[in-house]
Amino acid sequence: MMQIRLASAGFIGVLGLISATAFSPFVPSAQASPSGHAPHGTVTIDGVTVPDIGPLPTSTPMPATNLNYAAKINLGKQLYFDGRLSKSGAISCAFCHNPGTGFADPRQTSIGIGGGVGGRQSPTVYNTAFNHLQFWDGRARSLEEQAIGPIHNPIEMGETHEDLVRKLGKVKGYQQQFRAVFGSDVNLQDLANAIAAYERTVISTNSAFDKYVLGDPKAMDEAAIRGMALFKGKARCILCHNGSNFTDNQFHNLGVPQVGPAKEDLGRYNVTRAEKDKGAFKTPTLRSIIETTPYMHDGAFKTLEEVVDFLNEGGGASQNLSALMKPLNLTPEEKTELVAFLKALTGEPIKFQMPKLPK
């Protein structure tokens, strides 16, 4: 696995998006440890030891088979925003992973081609470069595999891979760029490589938390500081949301109530067929979590306060409930402080400019 150095990006306004010229990989203005590895140390709760939370590394993972560079990222961004990837010509990647809403979908579950309603909430693209597996059930082993999954899903984009390659192969602008970037005509693998290259630039970092742990004592207020102590202690959040990206990249059953169109969702079990994985879903990053409402795999909760209340009760009823779940007995003040800390994980806005799509 190669590493992408994170390059600096400018920031504007309250809405964070990435510009077409900000495609050199982007570097946090607040640097992590000199070695490029973060965080340091561990935390132990009830005999369970996990990595401590901390700032992101100064580089992001990148497969040696898909090295990032500006022309490829620019092509990937065009594809990400192009509705022609769908059969109807109207559903792009950004339709469900919108930069204006935290690269996620504010709807409980996403709407696809022909108004079809999916059974799961669209996860954010923020920091997916650091995920070991993609999708709520981890069925994709890489961003490249994830990028093309929704295209042929009949509820999402509803296009066959063969027809998509044929369709985009007739677009002169794509013909020229694929030949320049990959030395080949339009093809599915390089399309996936380009989209994944763009997604690896979508990084949420430089939050108040990052600045605080890197030495700025005024970056977080007192409520958030107390909330961080709860996060790493009484509230037990760190048992699943640990490391620099606030996820253990594992799958847990929290007993989340199943809402939306799906009557039952077995989660990770659908991939592994292991009994222990029934009802288990991937731990999401908490970075910029305030931007990516609603929450959980089915969008069951609209606010962070609702999530905290649910977890404070020890989760929901399930025969396969994670052993990590237990009542927390947080006071109203402690719950408020915990939410204050979660809000302090909001990264600086990412500069954005809509790409001009080729003809």
Protein backbone atom coordinates (compact mmCIF):
# COMPACT_ATOMS: atom_id res chain seq x y z
CA MET A 1 0.00 0.00 0.00
CA MET A 2 1.40 3.36 -1.05
CA GLN A 3 0.70 6.62 0.76
CA ILE A 4 -0.63 9.92 -0.58
CA ARG A 5 0.84 13.00 1.03
CA LEU A 6 -1.98 15.26 2.14
CA ALA A 7 -1.60 18.68 0.46
CA SER A 8 -3.06 21.97 1.63
CA ALA A 9 -6.44 23.16 0.49
CA GLY A 10 -8.02 26.54 0.89
CA PHE A 11 -11.26 26.97 2.77
CA ILE A 12 -14.26 29.16 2.06
CA GLY A 13 -17.55 29.96 3.71
CA VAL A 14 -19.52 27.50 5.77
CA LEU A 15 -19.96 24.90 3.06
CA GLY A 16 -16.96 22.75 2.42
CA LEU A 17 -16.29 21.41 -1.01
CA ILE A 18 -13.18 20.52 -3.10
CA SER A 19 -12.17 22.62 -6.10
CA ALA A 20 -11.13 21.26 -9.45
CA THR A 21 -7.73 22.78 -8.89
CA ALA A 22 -7.36 21.40 -5.37
CA PHE A 23 -6.57 17.96 -6.61
CA SER A 24 -3.13 17.62 -5.36
CA PRO A 25 -3.83 15.49 -2.32
CA PHE A 26 -4.49 17.77 0.57
CA VAL A 27 -2.44 18.38 3.69
CA PRO A 28 -3.80 19.31 7.09
CA SER A 29 -2.51 22.73 8.13
CA ALA A 30 -2.07 21.25 11.60
CA GLN A 31 0.49 18.49 11.23
CA ALA A 32 0.25 15.10 12.88
CA SER A 33 3.25 13.38 14.42
CA PRO A 34 6.56 13.80 12.54
CA SER A 35 6.52 10.11 11.60
CA GLY A 36 3.20 10.55 9.83
CA HIS A 37 1.49 8.05 12.09
CA ALA A 38 -1.36 8.92 14.43
CA PRO A 39 -2.50 8.51 17.05
CA HIS A 40 -0.20 7.29 19.82
CA GLY A 41 -1.13 5.23 22.84
CA THR A 42 -4.05 3.04 23.83
CA VAL A 43 -7.11 3.19 26.05
CA THR A 44 -8.41 0.28 28.13
CA ILE A 45 -12.01 -0.05 29.34
CA ASP A 46 -13.30 -3.19 31.09
CA GLY A 47 -10.26 -5.11 29.93
CA VAL A 48 -10.67 -4.11 26.28
CA THR A 49 -7.68 -2.18 24.88
CA VAL A 50 -8.08 -0.04 21.76
CA PRO A 51 -6.02 2.63 19.97
CA ASP A 52 -6.40 6.13 21.34
CA ILE A 53 -8.02 8.85 19.24
CA GLY A 54 -5.85 11.49 17.59
CA PRO A 55 -5.19 13.51 14.43
CA LEU A 56 -5.14 11.86 11.04
CA PRO A 57 -1.78 10.80 9.60
CA THR A 58 -0.10 13.21 7.20
CA SER A 59 -0.72 10.77 4.36
CA THR A 60 -3.64 8.67 3.15
CA PRO A 61 -3.48 5.06 1.95
CA MET A 62 -3.28 4.55 -1.80
CA PRO A 63 -2.94 1.23 -3.66
CA ALA A 64 0.15 0.84 -5.82
CA THR A 65 -2.16 -0.16 -8.68
CA ASN A 66 -3.95 3.20 -8.63
CA LEU A 67 -1.53 6.05 -8.00
CA ASN A 68 -3.11 9.49 -7.65
CA TYR A 69 -2.25 12.46 -9.81
CA ALA A 70 -4.10 15.59 -10.84
CA ALA A 71 -5.40 14.52 -14.27
CA LYS A 72 -6.79 11.26 -12.90
CA ILE A 73 -8.44 12.98 -9.94
CA ASN A 74 -9.95 15.61 -12.21
CA LEU A 75 -11.39 12.87 -14.44
CA GLY A 76 -12.73 11.05 -11.40
CA LYS A 77 -14.45 14.19 -10.18
CA GLN A 78 -16.20 14.63 -13.52
CA LEU A 79 -17.41 11.04 -13.42
CA TYR A 80 -18.53 11.42 -9.79
CA PHE A 81 -20.85 14.29 -10.74
CA ASP A 82 -22.04 12.89 -14.08
CA GLY A 83 -25.61 11.59 -14.17
CA ARG A 84 -24.78 9.69 -17.34
CA LEU A 85 -23.39 6.94 -15.14
CA SER A 86 -27.02 5.97 -14.52
CA LYS A 87 -29.49 4.52 -16.99
CA SER A 88 -31.79 7.54 -16.70
CA GLY A 89 -28.95 10.06 -17.02
CA ALA A 90 -30.11 11.75 -13.81
CA ILE A 91 -28.48 9.86 -10.91
CA SER A 92 -24.82 10.62 -10.24
CA CYS A 93 -22.63 9.52 -7.34
CA ALA A 94 -23.16 13.01 -5.89
CA PHE A 95 -26.93 12.52 -5.92
CA CYS A 96 -26.62 10.33 -2.80
CA HIS A 97 -23.19 11.54 -1.62
CA ASN A 98 -23.68 15.28 -1.88
CA PRO A 99 -20.80 17.62 -0.99
CA GLY A 100 -23.36 20.10 0.33
CA THR A 101 -24.54 17.61 2.96
CA GLY A 102 -21.28 16.13 4.17
CA PHE A 103 -20.81 13.93 1.07
CA ALA A 104 -23.81 11.97 2.34
CA ASP A 105 -27.59 12.02 1.89
CA PRO A 106 -29.91 13.93 4.26
CA ARG A 107 -32.76 11.56 3.40
CA GLN A 108 -33.36 8.61 5.71
CA THR A 109 -32.61 6.23 2.87
CA SER A 110 -31.57 7.20 -0.63
CA ILE A 111 -33.73 7.50 -3.72
CA GLY A 112 -32.44 6.01 -6.94
CA ILE A 113 -33.48 5.54 -10.53
CA GLY A 114 -37.21 5.79 -11.19
CA GLY A 115 -37.82 6.93 -7.62
CA GLY A 116 -36.77 3.60 -6.17
CA VAL A 117 -36.10 3.76 -2.43
CA GLY A 118 -33.07 2.01 -1.00
CA GLY A 119 -33.05 0.22 2.33
CA ARG A 120 -29.98 1.92 3.81
CA GLN A 121 -28.74 5.40 4.57
CA SER A 122 -25.96 6.55 2.24
CA PRO A 123 -22.66 6.66 4.18
CA THR A 124 -20.41 9.67 3.82
CA VAL A 125 -17.47 9.70 1.41
CA TYR A 126 -15.46 11.64 4.00
CA ASN A 127 -12.26 9.74 4.83
CA THR A 128 -13.30 6.55 3.02
CA ALA A 129 -9.65 6.34 1.99
CA PHE A 130 -8.98 5.11 5.53
CA ASN A 131 -11.69 2.41 5.49
CA HIS A 132 -10.57 -1.20 5.26
CA LEU A 133 -13.88 -2.22 3.69
CA GLN A 134 -16.64 -0.19 2.04
CA PHE A 135 -20.44 -0.06 2.42
CA TRP A 136 -22.33 -0.64 5.67
CA ASP A 137 -21.86 -4.39 5.28
CA GLY A 138 -18.26 -4.24 4.06
CA ARG A 139 -19.01 -6.06 0.81
CA ALA A 140 -16.52 -3.99 -1.19
CA ARG A 141 -12.84 -4.54 -0.46
CA SER A 142 -11.66 -1.26 -1.96
CA LEU A 143 -12.82 2.15 -3.10
CA GLU A 144 -12.37 0.95 -6.66
CA GLU A 145 -14.80 -1.91 -6.09
CA GLN A 146 -17.19 0.40 -4.25
CA ALA A 147 -17.17 2.98 -7.04
CA ILE A 148 -18.81 0.71 -9.58
CA GLY A 149 -21.16 -1.18 -7.26
CA PRO A 150 -24.09 1.28 -7.38
CA ILE A 151 -23.95 1.59 -11.17
CA HIS A 152 -25.57 -1.77 -11.89
CA ASN A 153 -27.75 -1.81 -8.76
CA PRO A 154 -31.34 -1.76 -10.08
CA ILE A 155 -32.51 0.52 -7.26
CA GLU A 156 -29.60 2.95 -7.42
CA MET A 157 -28.28 3.79 -10.91
CA GLY A 158 -29.73 0.89 -12.86
CA GLU A 159 -27.18 0.80 -15.68
CA THR A 160 -25.26 -2.19 -16.96
CA HIS A 161 -21.50 -1.89 -16.93
CA GLU A 162 -21.37 -2.82 -20.61
CA ASP A 163 -23.84 -0.13 -21.65
CA LEU A 164 -22.09 2.46 -19.49
CA VAL A 165 -18.72 1.83 -21.14
CA ARG A 166 -20.36 1.98 -24.55
CA LYS A 167 -22.19 5.21 -23.69
CA LEU A 168 -19.22 7.07 -22.23
CA GLY A 169 -17.01 5.80 -25.03
CA LYS A 170 -19.05 7.97 -27.39
CA VAL A 171 -18.32 11.12 -25.37
CA LYS A 172 -15.36 12.80 -27.03
CA GLY A 173 -14.18 14.51 -23.85
CA TYR A 174 -14.05 11.22 -21.97
CA GLN A 175 -12.35 9.46 -24.88
CA GLN A 176 -9.58 12.04 -24.83
CA GLN A 177 -9.11 11.99 -21.06
CA PHE A 178 -9.08 8.19 -20.71
CA ARG A 179 -6.41 7.97 -23.41
CA ALA A 180 -4.36 10.74 -21.79
CA VAL A 181 -4.67 9.40 -18.23
CA PHE A 182 -4.71 5.63 -18.78
CA GLY A 183 -3.52 5.17 -22.34
CA SER A 184 -6.69 3.28 -23.18
CA ASP A 185 -10.26 3.72 -24.34
CA VAL A 186 -13.06 4.09 -21.80
CA ASN A 187 -13.27 0.92 -19.70
CA LEU A 188 -14.85 -0.08 -16.41
CA GLN A 189 -11.68 -0.66 -14.37
CA ASP A 190 -10.16 2.70 -15.19
CA LEU A 191 -13.49 4.39 -14.58
CA ALA A 192 -13.44 2.85 -11.10
CA ASN A 193 -9.81 3.90 -10.62
CA ALA A 194 -10.60 7.52 -11.51
CA ILE A 195 -13.62 7.80 -9.21
CA ALA A 196 -11.70 6.19 -6.35
CA ALA A 197 -8.80 8.59 -6.92
CA TYR A 198 -11.18 11.52 -6.51
CA GLU A 199 -12.83 10.02 -3.43
CA ARG A 200 -9.42 9.68 -1.76
CA THR A 201 -9.14 13.48 -1.81
CA VAL A 202 -12.34 13.93 0.21
CA ILE A 203 -10.76 14.27 3.64
CA SER A 204 -12.31 15.76 6.78
CA THR A 205 -9.59 17.03 9.11
CA ASN A 206 -8.32 20.11 10.98
CA SER A 207 -11.22 19.96 13.40
CA ALA A 208 -11.27 21.73 16.76
CA PHE A 209 -10.34 18.35 18.26
CA ASP A 210 -7.28 18.01 16.01
CA LYS A 211 -6.10 21.49 16.89
CA TYR A 212 -6.64 20.84 20.59
CA VAL A 213 -4.65 17.60 20.74
CA LEU A 214 -1.92 19.18 18.65
CA GLY A 215 -1.36 21.88 21.22
CA ASP A 216 -4.00 24.62 20.97
CA PRO A 217 -5.67 24.65 24.41
CA LYS A 218 -8.36 27.08 23.24
CA ALA A 219 -9.49 25.06 20.23
CA MET A 220 -12.18 23.20 22.22
CA ASP A 221 -14.39 24.70 24.91
CA GLU A 222 -14.74 23.22 28.40
CA ALA A 223 -17.88 21.27 27.56
CA ALA A 224 -16.18 19.57 24.61
CA ILE A 225 -13.10 18.78 26.72
CA ARG A 226 -15.29 17.11 29.34
CA GLY A 227 -17.12 15.35 26.53
CA MET A 228 -13.83 13.95 25.25
CA ALA A 229 -13.11 12.49 28.68
CA LEU A 230 -16.55 10.86 28.66
CA PHE A 231 -15.95 9.58 25.11
CA LYS A 232 -12.78 7.83 26.28
CA GLY A 233 -14.25 6.67 29.57
CA LYS A 234 -17.75 6.44 31.01
CA ALA A 235 -19.54 6.70 27.63
CA ARG A 236 -17.36 3.90 26.17
CA CYS A 237 -17.55 5.40 22.65
CA ILE A 238 -13.86 4.78 22.02
CA LEU A 239 -14.34 1.01 22.16
CA CYS A 240 -15.69 1.20 18.59
CA HIS A 241 -14.84 4.75 17.49
CA ASN A 242 -11.08 4.71 17.96
CA GLY A 243 -7.91 5.60 16.09
CA SER A 244 -7.32 8.68 13.98
CA ASN A 245 -10.49 8.23 11.89
CA PHE A 246 -12.70 7.39 14.87
CA THR A 247 -13.59 3.91 13.64
CA ASP A 248 -12.31 0.43 14.40
CA ASN A 249 -13.30 -0.65 10.86
CA GLN A 250 -15.21 -3.51 12.45
CA PHE A 251 -18.87 -4.58 12.49
CA HIS A 252 -21.17 -4.46 15.51
CA ASN A 253 -24.82 -5.13 16.28
CA LEU A 254 -26.16 -2.22 18.37
CA GLY A 255 -29.79 -3.30 18.25
CA VAL A 256 -30.68 -0.33 16.03
CA PRO A 257 -34.43 -0.36 15.26
CA GLN A 258 -35.09 -1.34 11.66
CA VAL A 259 -36.97 1.49 9.98
CA GLY A 260 -37.60 2.41 6.36
CA PRO A 261 -38.59 0.11 3.50
CA ALA A 262 -36.50 -2.89 4.56
CA LYS A 263 -38.37 -5.19 6.97
CA GLU A 264 -35.15 -6.90 8.00
CA ASP A 265 -31.50 -6.16 7.33
CA LEU A 266 -28.95 -8.73 8.45
CA GLY A 267 -26.01 -6.46 7.61
CA ARG A 268 -22.59 -8.09 7.57
CA TYR A 269 -24.18 -11.55 7.68
CA ASN A 270 -25.25 -11.10 4.06
CA VAL A 271 -21.56 -11.04 3.14
CA THR A 272 -20.00 -13.56 5.53
CA ARG A 273 -22.94 -15.88 6.39
CA ALA A 274 -21.46 -16.05 9.88
CA GLU A 275 -24.08 -16.15 12.65
CA LYS A 276 -22.07 -13.68 14.74
CA ASP A 277 -22.49 -11.07 12.01
CA LYS A 278 -26.29 -11.03 11.95
CA GLY A 279 -27.45 -7.44 12.34
CA ALA A 280 -23.89 -6.12 12.50
CA PHE A 281 -22.90 -3.00 10.55
CA LYS A 282 -19.63 -1.18 9.98
CA THR A 283 -18.56 1.41 12.52
CA PRO A 284 -18.75 4.78 10.71
CA THR A 285 -16.24 7.57 11.14
CA LEU A 286 -17.35 10.30 13.52
CA ARG A 287 -15.38 13.00 11.76
CA SER A 288 -17.72 15.80 10.63
CA ILE A 289 -20.59 13.72 12.03
CA ILE A 290 -22.76 16.80 12.53
CA GLU A 291 -22.86 17.21 8.72
CA THR A 292 -24.00 13.68 7.91
CA THR A 293 -27.41 13.34 9.56
CA PRO A 294 -29.44 11.09 9.77
CA TYR A 295 -27.56 8.37 11.59
CA MET A 296 -27.16 4.58 11.62
CA HIS A 297 -27.41 2.18 8.67
CA ASP A 298 -31.11 2.91 8.17
CA GLY A 299 -31.18 6.57 9.16
CA ALA A 300 -33.11 5.68 12.31
CA PHE A 301 -32.01 8.77 14.27
CA LYS A 302 -32.23 12.37 13.11
CA THR A 303 -29.97 14.00 15.71
CA LEU A 304 -26.85 13.28 17.71
CA GLU A 305 -28.92 13.72 20.84
CA GLU A 306 -31.18 10.84 19.75
CA VAL A 307 -28.14 8.65 19.11
CA VAL A 308 -26.67 9.42 22.52
CA ASP A 309 -30.01 8.68 24.21
CA PHE A 310 -30.21 5.33 22.40
CA LEU A 311 -26.68 4.32 23.34
CA ASN A 312 -27.15 5.55 26.89
CA GLU A 313 -29.86 2.90 27.27
CA GLY A 314 -27.41 0.22 26.14
CA GLY A 315 -28.67 0.04 22.57
CA GLY A 316 -31.73 -1.86 21.42
CA ALA A 317 -33.10 -5.36 21.71
CA SER A 318 -31.27 -8.00 19.68
CA GLN A 319 -30.35 -11.64 20.20
CA ASN A 320 -26.97 -10.81 18.71
CA LEU A 321 -26.29 -7.56 20.55
CA SER A 322 -22.59 -6.64 20.77
CA ALA A 323 -20.98 -7.51 24.08
CA LEU A 324 -19.62 -3.95 24.13
CA MET A 325 -23.11 -2.54 24.59
CA LYS A 326 -24.32 -1.76 28.09
CA PRO A 327 -26.30 1.04 29.82
CA LEU A 328 -24.11 4.10 30.38
CA ASN A 329 -26.07 6.00 33.04
CA LEU A 330 -25.03 9.37 31.65
CA THR A 331 -26.58 12.43 33.26
CA PRO A 332 -28.33 15.04 31.09
CA GLU A 333 -25.30 17.31 31.51
CA GLU A 334 -22.92 14.54 30.48
CA LYS A 335 -24.97 13.77 27.38
CA THR A 336 -24.81 17.45 26.41
CA GLU A 337 -21.03 17.46 26.90
CA LEU A 338 -20.63 14.32 24.82
CA VAL A 339 -22.54 15.92 21.94
CA ALA A 340 -20.35 19.03 22.30
CA PHE A 341 -17.29 16.86 21.75
CA LEU A 342 -18.84 15.15 18.73
CA LYS A 343 -19.47 18.58 17.21
CA ALA A 344 -15.80 19.43 17.82
CA LEU A 345 -14.89 16.68 15.32
CA THR A 346 -16.19 18.81 12.42
CA GLY A 347 -13.39 19.36 9.92
CA GLU A 348 -12.59 22.59 8.15
CA PRO A 349 -14.66 23.18 5.01
CA ILE A 350 -13.25 21.76 1.79
CA LYS A 351 -13.09 24.16 -1.13
CA PHE A 352 -15.31 23.09 -3.98
CA GLN A 353 -16.11 23.94 -7.57
CA MET A 354 -18.48 21.98 -9.78
CA PRO A 355 -16.64 20.32 -12.66
CA LYS A 356 -17.47 21.05 -16.27
CA LEU A 357 -18.69 17.78 -17.73
CA PRO A 358 -17.26 16.67 -21.08
CA LYS A 359 -19.30 16.47 -24.26
